[in-house]
Amino acid sequence: QGAGCRVVCGQGGTSVNHSCVCSPGWYGANCTTQCNGGASNPCSGHGVCNDGRLGDGTCQCSVGYVEVDCSVKCAGPVGNPCWGHGICFAPNGSCSCFANSTVGFWAGSDCSVCYGAYYGASCTLLCNGVGNVSCGGHGRCPATSSSCQCYSDSSFGFWSG
């Protein structure tokens, strides 16, 4: 640039000492590109945009949000996706539940219930039954016991034993 030349900044920037200073939510050498989610709501309000003159506009999503613009909430409570019992995936925020003896055998769309014949606070205890079928398929274990509670209703049938 010559001594008399002035840098031209885009809509999201201001010229300061022959370079552009980007406003929050804008990035690039001339501050011409908005962050994912838009400059007025970068990263959909659920993350931090790598903005500024040297930024690339990528979002670092807050815990519990996914997608390039952090617009999708993961299943489970905010800040604790999949109840801490699985991994959240884009594009729809669905959970893939953990299933091992170290962290438990979890199920459900948000990984909040024990899988199959497992029970207990950590879903690591195996209920009495056949293989991984709780109570031979005719009942369930309560959350704190390996003793079967037989189904006794019109949906699952009337069982005893």
C-alpha atoms as a PDB file:
ATOM      1  CA  GLN A   1       0.000   0.000   0.000  1.00  0.00           C
ATOM      2  CA  GLY A   2       1.179   3.460  -0.767  1.00  0.00           C
ATOM      3  CA  ALA A   3       1.387   6.187   1.850  1.00  0.00           C
ATOM      4  CA  GLY A   4      -1.824   7.776   0.608  1.00  0.00           C
ATOM      5  CA  CYS A   5      -3.749   4.546   0.111  1.00  0.00           C
ATOM      6  CA  ARG A   6      -6.414   3.430   2.518  1.00  0.00           C
ATOM      7  CA  VAL A   7      -7.547  -0.160   3.085  1.00  0.00           C
ATOM      8  CA  VAL A   8     -11.157  -0.824   2.168  1.00  0.00           C
ATOM      9  CA  CYS A   9     -12.969  -2.939   4.741  1.00  0.00           C
ATOM     10  CA  GLY A  10     -16.176  -4.817   4.188  1.00  0.00           C
ATOM     11  CA  GLN A  11     -19.480  -4.316   5.957  1.00  0.00           C
ATOM     12  CA  GLY A  12     -18.185  -6.015   9.106  1.00  0.00           C
ATOM     13  CA  GLY A  13     -14.989  -4.046   9.555  1.00  0.00           C
ATOM     14  CA  THR A  14     -13.392  -0.716  10.279  1.00  0.00           C
ATOM     15  CA  SER A  15     -10.091   0.576   8.885  1.00  0.00           C
ATOM     16  CA  VAL A  16      -7.526   1.185  11.616  1.00  0.00           C
ATOM     17  CA  ASN A  17      -3.865   1.928  10.822  1.00  0.00           C
ATOM     18  CA  HIS A  18      -4.027   0.472   7.299  1.00  0.00           C
ATOM     19  CA  SER A  19      -5.736  -2.806   8.240  1.00  0.00           C
ATOM     20  CA  CYS A  20      -9.260  -3.946   8.971  1.00  0.00           C
ATOM     21  CA  VAL A  21     -10.556  -4.588  12.459  1.00  0.00           C
ATOM     22  CA  CYS A  22     -13.550  -6.899  12.295  1.00  0.00           C
ATOM     23  CA  SER A  23     -16.663  -6.394  14.344  1.00  0.00           C
ATOM     24  CA  PRO A  24     -17.776  -9.429  16.398  1.00  0.00           C
ATOM     25  CA  GLY A  25     -19.319 -12.075  14.151  1.00  0.00           C
ATOM     26  CA  TRP A  26     -17.279 -11.095  11.051  1.00  0.00           C
ATOM     27  CA  TYR A  27     -14.041 -12.538   9.729  1.00  0.00           C
ATOM     28  CA  GLY A  28     -11.528 -12.433   6.890  1.00  0.00           C
ATOM     29  CA  ALA A  29      -8.792 -10.025   5.785  1.00  0.00           C
ATOM     30  CA  ASN A  30     -11.375  -7.375   4.916  1.00  0.00           C
ATOM     31  CA  CYS A  31     -14.118  -8.483   7.348  1.00  0.00           C
ATOM     32  CA  THR A  32     -16.507  -9.372   4.540  1.00  0.00           C
ATOM     33  CA  THR A  33     -17.799 -12.741   5.730  1.00  0.00           C
ATOM     34  CA  GLN A  34     -20.229 -13.460   8.561  1.00  0.00           C
ATOM     35  CA  CYS A  35     -19.663 -16.274  11.028  1.00  0.00           C
ATOM     36  CA  ASN A  36     -21.905 -19.341  10.820  1.00  0.00           C
ATOM     37  CA  GLY A  37     -25.242 -18.411  12.331  1.00  0.00           C
ATOM     38  CA  GLY A  38     -24.911 -14.812  11.127  1.00  0.00           C
ATOM     39  CA  ALA A  39     -23.010 -11.817  12.460  1.00  0.00           C
ATOM     40  CA  SER A  40     -25.880 -10.795  14.747  1.00  0.00           C
ATOM     41  CA  ASN A  41     -26.024 -14.259  16.342  1.00  0.00           C
ATOM     42  CA  PRO A  42     -22.683 -15.998  15.727  1.00  0.00           C
ATOM     43  CA  CYS A  43     -22.770 -19.748  16.245  1.00  0.00           C
ATOM     44  CA  SER A  44     -26.506 -19.438  16.952  1.00  0.00           C
ATOM     45  CA  GLY A  45     -25.657 -18.119  20.407  1.00  0.00           C
ATOM     46  CA  HIS A  46     -24.372 -21.555  21.450  1.00  0.00           C
ATOM     47  CA  GLY A  47     -20.672 -21.279  20.737  1.00  0.00           C
ATOM     48  CA  VAL A  48     -17.710 -19.058  19.960  1.00  0.00           C
ATOM     49  CA  CYS A  49     -16.814 -17.992  16.433  1.00  0.00           C
ATOM     50  CA  ASN A  50     -13.205 -17.829  15.280  1.00  0.00           C
ATOM     51  CA  ASP A  51     -13.803 -14.331  13.978  1.00  0.00           C
ATOM     52  CA  GLY A  52     -11.552 -11.381  13.262  1.00  0.00           C
ATOM     53  CA  ARG A  53      -9.154 -10.523  10.457  1.00  0.00           C
ATOM     54  CA  LEU A  54      -7.213 -13.783  10.886  1.00  0.00           C
ATOM     55  CA  GLY A  55     -10.244 -15.937  11.757  1.00  0.00           C
ATOM     56  CA  ASP A  56     -11.835 -18.596   9.568  1.00  0.00           C
ATOM     57  CA  GLY A  57     -15.421 -18.332  10.817  1.00  0.00           C
ATOM     58  CA  THR A  58     -15.557 -21.785  12.394  1.00  0.00           C
ATOM     59  CA  CYS A  59     -17.647 -22.280  15.496  1.00  0.00           C
ATOM     60  CA  GLN A  60     -16.499 -23.957  18.686  1.00  0.00           C
ATOM     61  CA  CYS A  61     -19.855 -25.155  20.023  1.00  0.00           C
ATOM     62  CA  SER A  62     -20.798 -25.069  23.687  1.00  0.00           C
ATOM     63  CA  VAL A  63     -21.198 -28.449  25.362  1.00  0.00           C
ATOM     64  CA  GLY A  64     -24.472 -29.974  24.230  1.00  0.00           C
ATOM     65  CA  TYR A  65     -24.698 -28.330  20.792  1.00  0.00           C
ATOM     66  CA  VAL A  66     -23.610 -29.548  17.349  1.00  0.00           C
ATOM     67  CA  GLU A  67     -23.584 -28.564  13.654  1.00  0.00           C
ATOM     68  CA  VAL A  68     -21.414 -25.994  11.891  1.00  0.00           C
ATOM     69  CA  ASP A  69     -23.477 -23.166  13.384  1.00  0.00           C
ATOM     70  CA  CYS A  70     -24.130 -24.828  16.797  1.00  0.00           C
ATOM     71  CA  SER A  71     -27.866 -24.673  16.091  1.00  0.00           C
ATOM     72  CA  VAL A  72     -28.768 -28.234  17.115  1.00  0.00           C
ATOM     73  CA  LYS A  73     -29.188 -29.153  20.787  1.00  0.00           C
ATOM     74  CA  CYS A  74     -28.108 -32.640  21.767  1.00  0.00           C
ATOM     75  CA  ALA A  75     -30.584 -34.944  23.483  1.00  0.00           C
ATOM     76  CA  GLY A  76     -30.433 -34.738  27.285  1.00  0.00           C
ATOM     77  CA  PRO A  77     -30.129 -31.720  29.554  1.00  0.00           C
ATOM     78  CA  VAL A  78     -28.259 -28.571  28.500  1.00  0.00           C
ATOM     79  CA  GLY A  79     -24.585 -28.914  29.391  1.00  0.00           C
ATOM     80  CA  ASN A  80     -24.871 -32.678  29.872  1.00  0.00           C
ATOM     81  CA  PRO A  81     -25.582 -34.183  26.442  1.00  0.00           C
ATOM     82  CA  CYS A  82     -26.850 -37.749  26.437  1.00  0.00           C
ATOM     83  CA  TRP A  83     -26.884 -37.496  30.254  1.00  0.00           C
ATOM     84  CA  GLY A  84     -23.132 -38.136  30.101  1.00  0.00           C
ATOM     85  CA  HIS A  85     -23.828 -41.724  29.007  1.00  0.00           C
ATOM     86  CA  GLY A  86     -23.167 -41.380  25.283  1.00  0.00           C
ATOM     87  CA  ILE A  87     -21.842 -39.253  22.445  1.00  0.00           C
ATOM     88  CA  CYS A  88     -23.897 -36.648  20.613  1.00  0.00           C
ATOM     89  CA  PHE A  89     -23.730 -36.537  16.822  1.00  0.00           C
ATOM     90  CA  ALA A  90     -24.628 -34.022  14.121  1.00  0.00           C
ATOM     91  CA  PRO A  91     -26.746 -33.385  12.163  1.00  0.00           C
ATOM     92  CA  ASN A  92     -29.701 -34.063  14.470  1.00  0.00           C
ATOM     93  CA  GLY A  93     -28.187 -34.142  17.976  1.00  0.00           C
ATOM     94  CA  SER A  94     -28.870 -37.837  18.410  1.00  0.00           C
ATOM     95  CA  CYS A  95     -27.036 -39.920  20.991  1.00  0.00           C
ATOM     96  CA  SER A  96     -24.962 -43.049  20.590  1.00  0.00           C
ATOM     97  CA  CYS A  97     -25.142 -44.645  24.033  1.00  0.00           C
ATOM     98  CA  PHE A  98     -22.195 -46.220  25.819  1.00  0.00           C
ATOM     99  CA  ALA A  99     -22.355 -49.975  26.269  1.00  0.00           C
ATOM    100  CA  ASN A 100     -19.510 -51.460  28.296  1.00  0.00           C
ATOM    101  CA  SER A 101     -18.773 -52.628  31.824  1.00  0.00           C
ATOM    102  CA  THR A 102     -16.695 -49.544  32.652  1.00  0.00           C
ATOM    103  CA  VAL A 103     -19.239 -46.768  31.989  1.00  0.00           C
ATOM    104  CA  GLY A 104     -22.425 -48.826  31.879  1.00  0.00           C
ATOM    105  CA  PHE A 105     -24.908 -50.221  29.390  1.00  0.00           C
ATOM    106  CA  TRP A 106     -27.216 -47.357  28.438  1.00  0.00           C
ATOM    107  CA  ALA A 107     -30.213 -46.993  26.112  1.00  0.00           C
ATOM    108  CA  GLY A 108     -32.981 -44.624  25.104  1.00  0.00           C
ATOM    109  CA  SER A 109     -32.938 -41.701  22.722  1.00  0.00           C
ATOM    110  CA  ASP A 110     -31.035 -39.643  25.321  1.00  0.00           C
ATOM    111  CA  CYS A 111     -29.130 -42.530  27.017  1.00  0.00           C
ATOM    112  CA  SER A 112     -31.060 -42.051  30.267  1.00  0.00           C
ATOM    113  CA  VAL A 113     -32.173 -45.655  30.893  1.00  0.00           C
ATOM    114  CA  CYS A 114     -30.377 -48.947  31.357  1.00  0.00           C
ATOM    115  CA  TYR A 115     -30.066 -51.222  28.350  1.00  0.00           C
ATOM    116  CA  GLY A 116     -31.864 -54.581  28.341  1.00  0.00           C
ATOM    117  CA  ALA A 117     -31.132 -56.632  31.435  1.00  0.00           C
ATOM    118  CA  TYR A 118     -28.829 -54.108  33.108  1.00  0.00           C
ATOM    119  CA  TYR A 119     -29.779 -52.146  36.208  1.00  0.00           C
ATOM    120  CA  GLY A 120     -28.313 -50.000  38.978  1.00  0.00           C
ATOM    121  CA  ALA A 121     -27.242 -46.376  39.196  1.00  0.00           C
ATOM    122  CA  SER A 122     -24.499 -46.983  36.631  1.00  0.00           C
ATOM    123  CA  CYS A 123     -26.307 -49.651  34.578  1.00  0.00           C
ATOM    124  CA  THR A 124     -23.443 -52.083  35.142  1.00  0.00           C
ATOM    125  CA  LEU A 125     -25.267 -54.796  37.090  1.00  0.00           C
ATOM    126  CA  LEU A 126     -26.835 -57.679  35.188  1.00  0.00           C
ATOM    127  CA  CYS A 127     -30.344 -58.719  36.176  1.00  0.00           C
ATOM    128  CA  ASN A 128     -31.290 -62.345  36.645  1.00  0.00           C
ATOM    129  CA  GLY A 129     -32.563 -63.837  33.445  1.00  0.00           C
ATOM    130  CA  VAL A 130     -31.481 -65.528  30.262  1.00  0.00           C
ATOM    131  CA  GLY A 131     -28.512 -63.950  28.479  1.00  0.00           C
ATOM    132  CA  ASN A 132     -29.170 -60.222  28.192  1.00  0.00           C
ATOM    133  CA  VAL A 133     -32.941 -60.647  28.502  1.00  0.00           C
ATOM    134  CA  SER A 134     -34.187 -59.360  31.829  1.00  0.00           C
ATOM    135  CA  CYS A 135     -36.363 -61.847  33.719  1.00  0.00           C
ATOM    136  CA  GLY A 136     -36.609 -64.187  30.743  1.00  0.00           C
ATOM    137  CA  GLY A 137     -38.397 -61.455  28.795  1.00  0.00           C
ATOM    138  CA  HIS A 138     -41.372 -61.428  31.165  1.00  0.00           C
ATOM    139  CA  GLY A 139     -40.415 -58.675  33.588  1.00  0.00           C
ATOM    140  CA  ARG A 140     -37.804 -56.172  34.589  1.00  0.00           C
ATOM    141  CA  CYS A 141     -35.359 -55.483  37.378  1.00  0.00           C
ATOM    142  CA  PRO A 142     -36.052 -52.534  39.621  1.00  0.00           C
ATOM    143  CA  ALA A 143     -33.307 -49.883  39.589  1.00  0.00           C
ATOM    144  CA  THR A 144     -31.779 -51.200  42.831  1.00  0.00           C
ATOM    145  CA  SER A 145     -32.249 -54.982  42.763  1.00  0.00           C
ATOM    146  CA  SER A 146     -31.407 -58.039  40.671  1.00  0.00           C
ATOM    147  CA  SER A 147     -34.726 -59.654  41.620  1.00  0.00           C
ATOM    148  CA  CYS A 148     -37.193 -59.755  38.772  1.00  0.00           C
ATOM    149  CA  GLN A 149     -40.500 -57.951  38.941  1.00  0.00           C
ATOM    150  CA  CYS A 150     -42.793 -59.889  36.631  1.00  0.00           C
ATOM    151  CA  TYR A 151     -44.994 -57.978  34.226  1.00  0.00           C
ATOM    152  CA  SER A 152     -48.583 -57.830  35.322  1.00  0.00           C
ATOM    153  CA  ASP A 153     -50.543 -55.760  32.861  1.00  0.00           C
ATOM    154  CA  SER A 154     -52.464 -56.063  29.622  1.00  0.00           C
ATOM    155  CA  SER A 155     -49.611 -54.603  27.553  1.00  0.00           C
ATOM    156  CA  PHE A 156     -46.921 -57.133  28.507  1.00  0.00           C
ATOM    157  CA  GLY A 157     -49.023 -59.915  29.981  1.00  0.00           C
ATOM    158  CA  PHE A 158     -49.641 -61.315  33.439  1.00  0.00           C
ATOM    159  CA  TRP A 159     -46.652 -63.254  34.769  1.00  0.00           C
ATOM    160  CA  SER A 160     -45.606 -64.587  38.146  1.00  0.00           C
ATOM    161  CA  GLY A 161     -42.612 -66.378  39.569  1.00  0.00           C
END
